[in-house]
Structure formats: C-alpha cells, structure tokens
Amino acid sequence: MEVGARRRSLPWGDLLVAVGVLGLGAFFLEGALSLRVLPSYARIGPRFFPVLVGVALSACGAALLVQALRGVRGWP
C-alpha cells in the first residue's frame, strides 16, 4: 500500500439494498415458478408477469451489487 493512500471502505448500505433487491427477485421467481398452470394456456399464462418482474428485480439487484462492490456510492 502506498504512503498516504486511503483504503476505500465498502458502502454497506448500498450492499444491503442490493442484497435486498436480489432477495426480492428470488422471492418473486420462486413464487412464480411454483404456480400451477393448466395446459390450456398457449404461451402467456398466469406465470408470465411474475417471472418477468422476478427477472427484472434480479437483474437490477445484480447491477446494484456490482456497483456497490466497485465502490460507487448511491445518491443520498
């Protein structure tokens, strides 16, 4: 470590938000994939929108986690 160099601390609040959003996405995906779907539905059934929301939440949570691990701070 260089003289005078400061070690950056992890933004724990941002990490907590990222993990929370990832957990919420996993919760939506688990709930959506456990829905029973009748074979009468062609392609888009009652499981489509919850899966879409779960995937979107998981992607946002992953992006937030990467940003937090890089040390990018969120706006207060």
PDB file of N, CA and C in Angstrom:
ATOM      1  N   MET A   1       0.841  -1.166   0.000  1.00  0.00           N
ATOM      2  CA  MET A   1       0.000   0.000   0.000  1.00  0.00           C
ATOM      3  C   MET A   1       0.895   1.240   0.000  1.00  0.00           C
ATOM      4  N   GLU A   2       0.586   2.210  -0.830  1.00  0.00           N
ATOM      5  CA  GLU A   2       1.388   3.415  -0.931  1.00  0.00           C
ATOM      6  C   GLU A   2       1.242   4.277   0.317  1.00  0.00           C
ATOM      7  N   VAL A   3       2.251   5.096   0.551  1.00  0.00           N
ATOM      8  CA  VAL A   3       2.188   6.016   1.670  1.00  0.00           C
ATOM      9  C   VAL A   3       1.150   7.082   1.342  1.00  0.00           C
ATOM     10  N   GLY A   4       0.238   7.317   2.246  1.00  0.00           N
ATOM     11  CA  GLY A   4      -0.793   8.325   2.050  1.00  0.00           C
ATOM     12  C   GLY A   4      -2.012   7.817   1.293  1.00  0.00           C
ATOM     13  N   ALA A   5      -1.970   6.582   0.838  1.00  0.00           N
ATOM     14  CA  ALA A   5      -3.123   6.034   0.120  1.00  0.00           C
ATOM     15  C   ALA A   5      -4.187   5.613   1.135  1.00  0.00           C
ATOM     16  N   ARG A   6      -5.406   5.929   0.809  1.00  0.00           N
ATOM     17  CA  ARG A   6      -6.521   5.586   1.687  1.00  0.00           C
ATOM     18  C   ARG A   6      -7.232   4.351   1.174  1.00  0.00           C
ATOM     19  N   ARG A   7      -7.559   3.485   2.077  1.00  0.00           N
ATOM     20  CA  ARG A   7      -8.329   2.306   1.694  1.00  0.00           C
ATOM     21  C   ARG A   7      -9.808   2.681   1.694  1.00  0.00           C
ATOM     22  N   ARG A   8     -10.471   2.367   0.583  1.00  0.00           N
ATOM     23  CA  ARG A   8     -11.885   2.692   0.470  1.00  0.00           C
ATOM     24  C   ARG A   8     -12.701   1.627   1.187  1.00  0.00           C
ATOM     25  N   SER A   9     -13.619   2.059   1.994  1.00  0.00           N
ATOM     26  CA  SER A   9     -14.473   1.102   2.687  1.00  0.00           C
ATOM     27  C   SER A   9     -15.675   0.769   1.805  1.00  0.00           C
ATOM     28  N   LEU A  10     -16.204  -0.407   2.011  1.00  0.00           N
ATOM     29  CA  LEU A  10     -17.367  -0.833   1.238  1.00  0.00           C
ATOM     30  C   LEU A  10     -18.593  -0.042   1.680  1.00  0.00           C
ATOM     31  N   PRO A  11     -19.441   0.340   0.736  1.00  0.00           N
ATOM     32  CA  PRO A  11     -20.688   1.035   1.099  1.00  0.00           C
ATOM     33  C   PRO A  11     -21.725   0.013   1.596  1.00  0.00           C
ATOM     34  N   TRP A  12     -21.737  -0.221   2.897  1.00  0.00           N
ATOM     35  CA  TRP A  12     -22.564  -1.272   3.464  1.00  0.00           C
ATOM     36  C   TRP A  12     -24.049  -1.040   3.230  1.00  0.00           C
ATOM     37  N   GLY A  13     -24.498   0.192   3.258  1.00  0.00           N
ATOM     38  CA  GLY A  13     -25.903   0.471   2.990  1.00  0.00           C
ATOM     39  C   GLY A  13     -26.295   0.102   1.576  1.00  0.00           C
ATOM     40  N   ASP A  14     -25.430   0.436   0.620  1.00  0.00           N
ATOM     41  CA  ASP A  14     -25.695   0.099  -0.775  1.00  0.00           C
ATOM     42  C   ASP A  14     -25.660  -1.416  -0.992  1.00  0.00           C
ATOM     43  N   LEU A  15     -24.744  -2.092  -0.303  1.00  0.00           N
ATOM     44  CA  LEU A  15     -24.695  -3.556  -0.390  1.00  0.00           C
ATOM     45  C   LEU A  15     -25.968  -4.189   0.179  1.00  0.00           C
ATOM     46  N   LEU A  16     -26.460  -3.620   1.264  1.00  0.00           N
ATOM     47  CA  LEU A  16     -27.678  -4.139   1.882  1.00  0.00           C
ATOM     48  C   LEU A  16     -28.878  -3.971   0.952  1.00  0.00           C
ATOM     49  N   VAL A  17     -28.969  -2.831   0.281  1.00  0.00           N
ATOM     50  CA  VAL A  17     -30.056  -2.609  -0.670  1.00  0.00           C
ATOM     51  C   VAL A  17     -29.944  -3.591  -1.835  1.00  0.00           C
ATOM     52  N   ALA A  18     -28.739  -3.797  -2.339  1.00  0.00           N
ATOM     53  CA  ALA A  18     -28.542  -4.717  -3.464  1.00  0.00           C
ATOM     54  C   ALA A  18     -28.944  -6.137  -3.088  1.00  0.00           C
ATOM     55  N   VAL A  19     -28.539  -6.592  -1.914  1.00  0.00           N
ATOM     56  CA  VAL A  19     -28.888  -7.945  -1.472  1.00  0.00           C
ATOM     57  C   VAL A  19     -30.400  -8.052  -1.240  1.00  0.00           C
ATOM     58  N   GLY A  20     -31.002  -6.986  -0.728  1.00  0.00           N
ATOM     59  CA  GLY A  20     -32.452  -6.982  -0.537  1.00  0.00           C
ATOM     60  C   GLY A  20     -33.214  -7.084  -1.847  1.00  0.00           C
ATOM     61  N   VAL A  21     -32.767  -6.362  -2.866  1.00  0.00           N
ATOM     62  CA  VAL A  21     -33.422  -6.420  -4.177  1.00  0.00           C
ATOM     63  C   VAL A  21     -33.213  -7.795  -4.808  1.00  0.00           C
ATOM     64  N   LEU A  22     -32.017  -8.374  -4.659  1.00  0.00           N
ATOM     65  CA  LEU A  22     -31.782  -9.732  -5.148  1.00  0.00           C
ATOM     66  C   LEU A  22     -32.685 -10.747  -4.433  1.00  0.00           C
ATOM     67  N   GLY A  23     -32.839 -10.581  -3.143  1.00  0.00           N
ATOM     68  CA  GLY A  23     -33.720 -11.478  -2.383  1.00  0.00           C
ATOM     69  C   GLY A  23     -35.170 -11.345  -2.807  1.00  0.00           C
ATOM     70  N   LEU A  24     -35.600 -10.115  -3.072  1.00  0.00           N
ATOM     71  CA  LEU A  24     -36.964  -9.905  -3.526  1.00  0.00           C
ATOM     72  C   LEU A  24     -37.187 -10.523  -4.904  1.00  0.00           C
ATOM     73  N   GLY A  25     -36.194 -10.416  -5.768  1.00  0.00           N
ATOM     74  CA  GLY A  25     -36.283 -11.053  -7.078  1.00  0.00           C
ATOM     75  C   GLY A  25     -36.355 -12.563  -6.971  1.00  0.00           C
ATOM     76  N   ALA A  26     -35.555 -13.135  -6.080  1.00  0.00           N
ATOM     77  CA  ALA A  26     -35.588 -14.588  -5.871  1.00  0.00           C
ATOM     78  C   ALA A  26     -36.936 -15.018  -5.296  1.00  0.00           C
ATOM     79  N   PHE A  27     -37.506 -14.198  -4.421  1.00  0.00           N
ATOM     80  CA  PHE A  27     -38.815 -14.492  -3.840  1.00  0.00           C
ATOM     81  C   PHE A  27     -39.894 -14.502  -4.929  1.00  0.00           C
ATOM     82  N   PHE A  28     -39.867 -13.514  -5.814  1.00  0.00           N
ATOM     83  CA  PHE A  28     -40.834 -13.464  -6.908  1.00  0.00           C
ATOM     84  C   PHE A  28     -40.664 -14.654  -7.845  1.00  0.00           C
ATOM     85  N   LEU A  29     -39.423 -14.982  -8.184  1.00  0.00           N
ATOM     86  CA  LEU A  29     -39.184 -16.114  -9.082  1.00  0.00           C
ATOM     87  C   LEU A  29     -39.625 -17.434  -8.467  1.00  0.00           C
ATOM     88  N   GLU A  30     -39.343 -17.623  -7.190  1.00  0.00           N
ATOM     89  CA  GLU A  30     -39.745 -18.855  -6.521  1.00  0.00           C
ATOM     90  C   GLU A  30     -41.266 -18.965  -6.486  1.00  0.00           C
ATOM     91  N   GLY A  31     -41.929 -17.866  -6.186  1.00  0.00           N
ATOM     92  CA  GLY A  31     -43.390 -17.888  -6.160  1.00  0.00           C
ATOM     93  C   GLY A  31     -43.991 -18.090  -7.532  1.00  0.00           C
ATOM     94  N   ALA A  32     -43.402 -17.463  -8.539  1.00  0.00           N
ATOM     95  CA  ALA A  32     -43.938 -17.578  -9.896  1.00  0.00           C
ATOM     96  C   ALA A  32     -43.743 -18.985 -10.452  1.00  0.00           C
ATOM     97  N   LEU A  33     -42.601 -19.579 -10.172  1.00  0.00           N
ATOM     98  CA  LEU A  33     -42.336 -20.912 -10.715  1.00  0.00           C
ATOM     99  C   LEU A  33     -43.094 -22.013  -9.974  1.00  0.00           C
ATOM    100  N   SER A  34     -43.644 -21.692  -8.823  1.00  0.00           N
ATOM    101  CA  SER A  34     -44.424 -22.681  -8.091  1.00  0.00           C
ATOM    102  C   SER A  34     -45.910 -22.620  -8.453  1.00  0.00           C
ATOM    103  N   LEU A  35     -46.313 -21.681  -9.322  1.00  0.00           N
ATOM    104  CA  LEU A  35     -47.710 -21.607  -9.758  1.00  0.00           C
ATOM    105  C   LEU A  35     -48.041 -22.789 -10.656  1.00  0.00           C
ATOM    106  N   ARG A  36     -49.206 -23.333 -10.455  1.00  0.00           N
ATOM    107  CA  ARG A  36     -49.666 -24.419 -11.337  1.00  0.00           C
ATOM    108  C   ARG A  36     -50.333 -23.800 -12.539  1.00  0.00           C
ATOM    109  N   VAL A  37     -49.954 -24.233 -13.709  1.00  0.00           N
ATOM    110  CA  VAL A  37     -50.502 -23.703 -14.949  1.00  0.00           C
ATOM    111  C   VAL A  37     -51.203 -24.836 -15.690  1.00  0.00           C
ATOM    112  N   LEU A  38     -52.427 -24.561 -16.104  1.00  0.00           N
ATOM    113  CA  LEU A  38     -53.174 -25.562 -16.859  1.00  0.00           C
ATOM    114  C   LEU A  38     -52.627 -25.665 -18.274  1.00  0.00           C
ATOM    115  N   PRO A  39     -52.708 -26.826 -18.876  1.00  0.00           N
ATOM    116  CA  PRO A  39     -52.175 -26.981 -20.237  1.00  0.00           C
ATOM    117  C   PRO A  39     -52.987 -26.225 -21.291  1.00  0.00           C
ATOM    118  N   SER A  40     -54.118 -25.622 -20.918  1.00  0.00           N
ATOM    119  CA  SER A  40     -54.928 -24.888 -21.888  1.00  0.00           C
ATOM    120  C   SER A  40     -54.307 -23.538 -22.266  1.00  0.00           C
ATOM    121  N   TYR A  41     -53.340 -23.046 -21.480  1.00  0.00           N
ATOM    122  CA  TYR A  41     -52.664 -21.803 -21.821  1.00  0.00           C
ATOM    123  C   TYR A  41     -51.626 -22.081 -22.903  1.00  0.00           C
ATOM    124  N   ALA A  42     -51.615 -21.251 -23.922  1.00  0.00           N
ATOM    125  CA  ALA A  42     -50.700 -21.454 -25.044  1.00  0.00           C
ATOM    126  C   ALA A  42     -49.275 -21.075 -24.650  1.00  0.00           C
ATOM    127  N   ARG A  43     -49.011 -19.803 -24.520  1.00  0.00           N
ATOM    128  CA  ARG A  43     -47.662 -19.363 -24.166  1.00  0.00           C
ATOM    129  C   ARG A  43     -47.672 -18.438 -22.955  1.00  0.00           C
ATOM    130  N   ILE A  44     -48.472 -17.404 -22.993  1.00  0.00           N
ATOM    131  CA  ILE A  44     -48.503 -16.439 -21.892  1.00  0.00           C
ATOM    132  C   ILE A  44     -49.635 -16.820 -20.955  1.00  0.00           C
ATOM    133  N   GLY A  45     -49.240 -17.270 -19.781  1.00  0.00           N
ATOM    134  CA  GLY A  45     -50.218 -17.677 -18.790  1.00  0.00           C
ATOM    135  C   GLY A  45     -50.107 -16.815 -17.547  1.00  0.00           C
ATOM    136  N   PRO A  46     -50.648 -17.292 -16.448  1.00  0.00           N
ATOM    137  CA  PRO A  46     -50.616 -16.523 -15.207  1.00  0.00           C
ATOM    138  C   PRO A  46     -49.229 -16.419 -14.589  1.00  0.00           C
ATOM    139  N   ARG A  47     -48.274 -17.143 -15.097  1.00  0.00           N
ATOM    140  CA  ARG A  47     -46.933 -17.135 -14.548  1.00  0.00           C
ATOM    141  C   ARG A  47     -46.023 -16.131 -15.260  1.00  0.00           C
ATOM    142  N   PHE A  48     -46.439 -15.606 -16.399  1.00  0.00           N
ATOM    143  CA  PHE A  48     -45.571 -14.756 -17.214  1.00  0.00           C
ATOM    144  C   PHE A  48     -45.164 -13.468 -16.500  1.00  0.00           C
ATOM    145  N   PHE A  49     -46.122 -12.693 -16.019  1.00  0.00           N
ATOM    146  CA  PHE A  49     -45.793 -11.402 -15.417  1.00  0.00           C
ATOM    147  C   PHE A  49     -44.970 -11.539 -14.137  1.00  0.00           C
ATOM    148  N   PRO A  50     -45.306 -12.455 -13.206  1.00  0.00           N
ATOM    149  CA  PRO A  50     -44.437 -12.607 -12.026  1.00  0.00           C
ATOM    150  C   PRO A  50     -43.012 -13.027 -12.364  1.00  0.00           C
ATOM    151  N   VAL A  51     -42.831 -13.870 -13.386  1.00  0.00           N
ATOM    152  CA  VAL A  51     -41.483 -14.255 -13.798  1.00  0.00           C
ATOM    153  C   VAL A  51     -40.755 -13.047 -14.373  1.00  0.00           C
ATOM    154  N   LEU A  52     -41.462 -12.242 -15.170  1.00  0.00           N
ATOM    155  CA  LEU A  52     -40.868 -11.033 -15.737  1.00  0.00           C
ATOM    156  C   LEU A  52     -40.414 -10.065 -14.641  1.00  0.00           C
ATOM    157  N   VAL A  53     -41.246  -9.874 -13.625  1.00  0.00           N
ATOM    158  CA  VAL A  53     -40.892  -8.998 -12.512  1.00  0.00           C
ATOM    159  C   VAL A  53     -39.719  -9.576 -11.725  1.00  0.00           C
ATOM    160  N   GLY A  54     -39.716 -10.876 -11.492  1.00  0.00           N
ATOM    161  CA  GLY A  54     -38.621 -11.515 -10.761  1.00  0.00           C
ATOM    162  C   GLY A  54     -37.293 -11.406 -11.490  1.00  0.00           C
ATOM    163  N   VAL A  55     -37.315 -11.581 -12.804  1.00  0.00           N
ATOM    164  CA  VAL A  55     -36.085 -11.470 -13.590  1.00  0.00           C
ATOM    165  C   VAL A  55     -35.591 -10.020 -13.588  1.00  0.00           C
ATOM    166  N   ALA A  56     -36.516  -9.077 -13.731  1.00  0.00           N
ATOM    167  CA  ALA A  56     -36.129  -7.662 -13.726  1.00  0.00           C
ATOM    168  C   ALA A  56     -35.556  -7.254 -12.370  1.00  0.00           C
ATOM    169  N   LEU A  57     -36.172  -7.695 -11.286  1.00  0.00           N
ATOM    170  CA  LEU A  57     -35.644  -7.386  -9.952  1.00  0.00           C
ATOM    171  C   LEU A  57     -34.270  -8.022  -9.742  1.00  0.00           C
ATOM    172  N   SER A  58     -34.096  -9.240 -10.201  1.00  0.00           N
ATOM    173  CA  SER A  58     -32.802  -9.907 -10.060  1.00  0.00           C
ATOM    174  C   SER A  58     -31.718  -9.196 -10.861  1.00  0.00           C
ATOM    175  N   ALA A  59     -32.054  -8.739 -12.061  1.00  0.00           N
ATOM    176  CA  ALA A  59     -31.081  -8.010 -12.881  1.00  0.00           C
ATOM    177  C   ALA A  59     -30.720  -6.672 -12.234  1.00  0.00           C
ATOM    178  N   CYS A  60     -31.711  -5.977 -11.704  1.00  0.00           N
ATOM    179  CA  CYS A  60     -31.424  -4.704 -11.019  1.00  0.00           C
ATOM    180  C   CYS A  60     -30.586  -4.936  -9.763  1.00  0.00           C
ATOM    181  N   GLY A  61     -30.906  -5.992  -9.017  1.00  0.00           N
ATOM    182  CA  GLY A  61     -30.132  -6.309  -7.821  1.00  0.00           C
ATOM    183  C   GLY A  61     -28.697  -6.667  -8.147  1.00  0.00           C
ATOM    184  N   ALA A  62     -28.492  -7.406  -9.236  1.00  0.00           N
ATOM    185  CA  ALA A  62     -27.132  -7.758  -9.647  1.00  0.00           C
ATOM    186  C   ALA A  62     -26.355  -6.514 -10.071  1.00  0.00           C
ATOM    187  N   ALA A  63     -27.012  -5.610 -10.796  1.00  0.00           N
ATOM    188  CA  ALA A  63     -26.349  -4.366 -11.203  1.00  0.00           C
ATOM    189  C   ALA A  63     -26.006  -3.514  -9.988  1.00  0.00           C
ATOM    190  N   LEU A  64     -26.907  -3.441  -9.025  1.00  0.00           N
ATOM    191  CA  LEU A  64     -26.630  -2.687  -7.794  1.00  0.00           C
ATOM    192  C   LEU A  64     -25.478  -3.318  -7.012  1.00  0.00           C
ATOM    193  N   LEU A  65     -25.429  -4.637  -6.990  1.00  0.00           N
ATOM    194  CA  LEU A  65     -24.360  -5.322  -6.268  1.00  0.00           C
ATOM    195  C   LEU A  65     -23.006  -5.062  -6.916  1.00  0.00           C
ATOM    196  N   VAL A  66     -22.951  -5.105  -8.241  1.00  0.00           N
ATOM    197  CA  VAL A  66     -21.695  -4.831  -8.941  1.00  0.00           C
ATOM    198  C   VAL A  66     -21.251  -3.398  -8.669  1.00  0.00           C
ATOM    199  N   GLN A  67     -22.171  -2.452  -8.727  1.00  0.00           N
ATOM    200  CA  GLN A  67     -21.827  -1.062  -8.474  1.00  0.00           C
ATOM    201  C   GLN A  67     -21.344  -0.861  -7.036  1.00  0.00           C
ATOM    202  N   ALA A  68     -22.008  -1.517  -6.087  1.00  0.00           N
ATOM    203  CA  ALA A  68     -21.604  -1.374  -4.688  1.00  0.00           C
ATOM    204  C   ALA A  68     -20.225  -1.979  -4.447  1.00  0.00           C
ATOM    205  N   LEU A  69     -19.936  -3.120  -5.080  1.00  0.00           N
ATOM    206  CA  LEU A  69     -18.628  -3.738  -4.902  1.00  0.00           C
ATOM    207  C   LEU A  69     -17.521  -2.943  -5.581  1.00  0.00           C
ATOM    208  N   ARG A  70     -17.863  -2.184  -6.606  1.00  0.00           N
ATOM    209  CA  ARG A  70     -16.882  -1.300  -7.239  1.00  0.00           C
ATOM    210  C   ARG A  70     -16.637  -0.035  -6.421  1.00  0.00           C
ATOM    211  N   GLY A  71     -17.473   0.207  -5.425  1.00  0.00           N
ATOM    212  CA  GLY A  71     -17.296   1.371  -4.578  1.00  0.00           C
ATOM    213  C   GLY A  71     -18.094   2.586  -5.007  1.00  0.00           C
ATOM    214  N   VAL A  72     -18.995   2.398  -5.965  1.00  0.00           N
ATOM    215  CA  VAL A  72     -19.830   3.510  -6.414  1.00  0.00           C
ATOM    216  C   VAL A  72     -20.912   3.741  -5.371  1.00  0.00           C
ATOM    217  N   ARG A  73     -20.992   4.951  -4.878  1.00  0.00           N
ATOM    218  CA  ARG A  73     -21.953   5.290  -3.846  1.00  0.00           C
ATOM    219  C   ARG A  73     -23.247   5.788  -4.472  1.00  0.00           C
ATOM    220  N   GLY A  74     -24.364   5.448  -3.848  1.00  0.00           N
ATOM    221  CA  GLY A  74     -25.662   5.937  -4.298  1.00  0.00           C
ATOM    222  C   GLY A  74     -25.888   7.367  -3.813  1.00  0.00           C
ATOM    223  N   TRP A  75     -26.824   8.039  -4.463  1.00  0.00           N
ATOM    224  CA  TRP A  75     -27.163   9.398  -4.038  1.00  0.00           C
ATOM    225  C   TRP A  75     -27.891   9.354  -2.700  1.00  0.00           C
ATOM    226  N   PRO A  76     -27.582  10.259  -1.797  1.00  0.00           N
ATOM    227  CA  PRO A  76     -28.292  10.265  -0.509  1.00  0.00           C
ATOM    228  C   PRO A  76     -29.727  10.743  -0.652  1.00  0.00           C
TER     229      PRO A  76
END
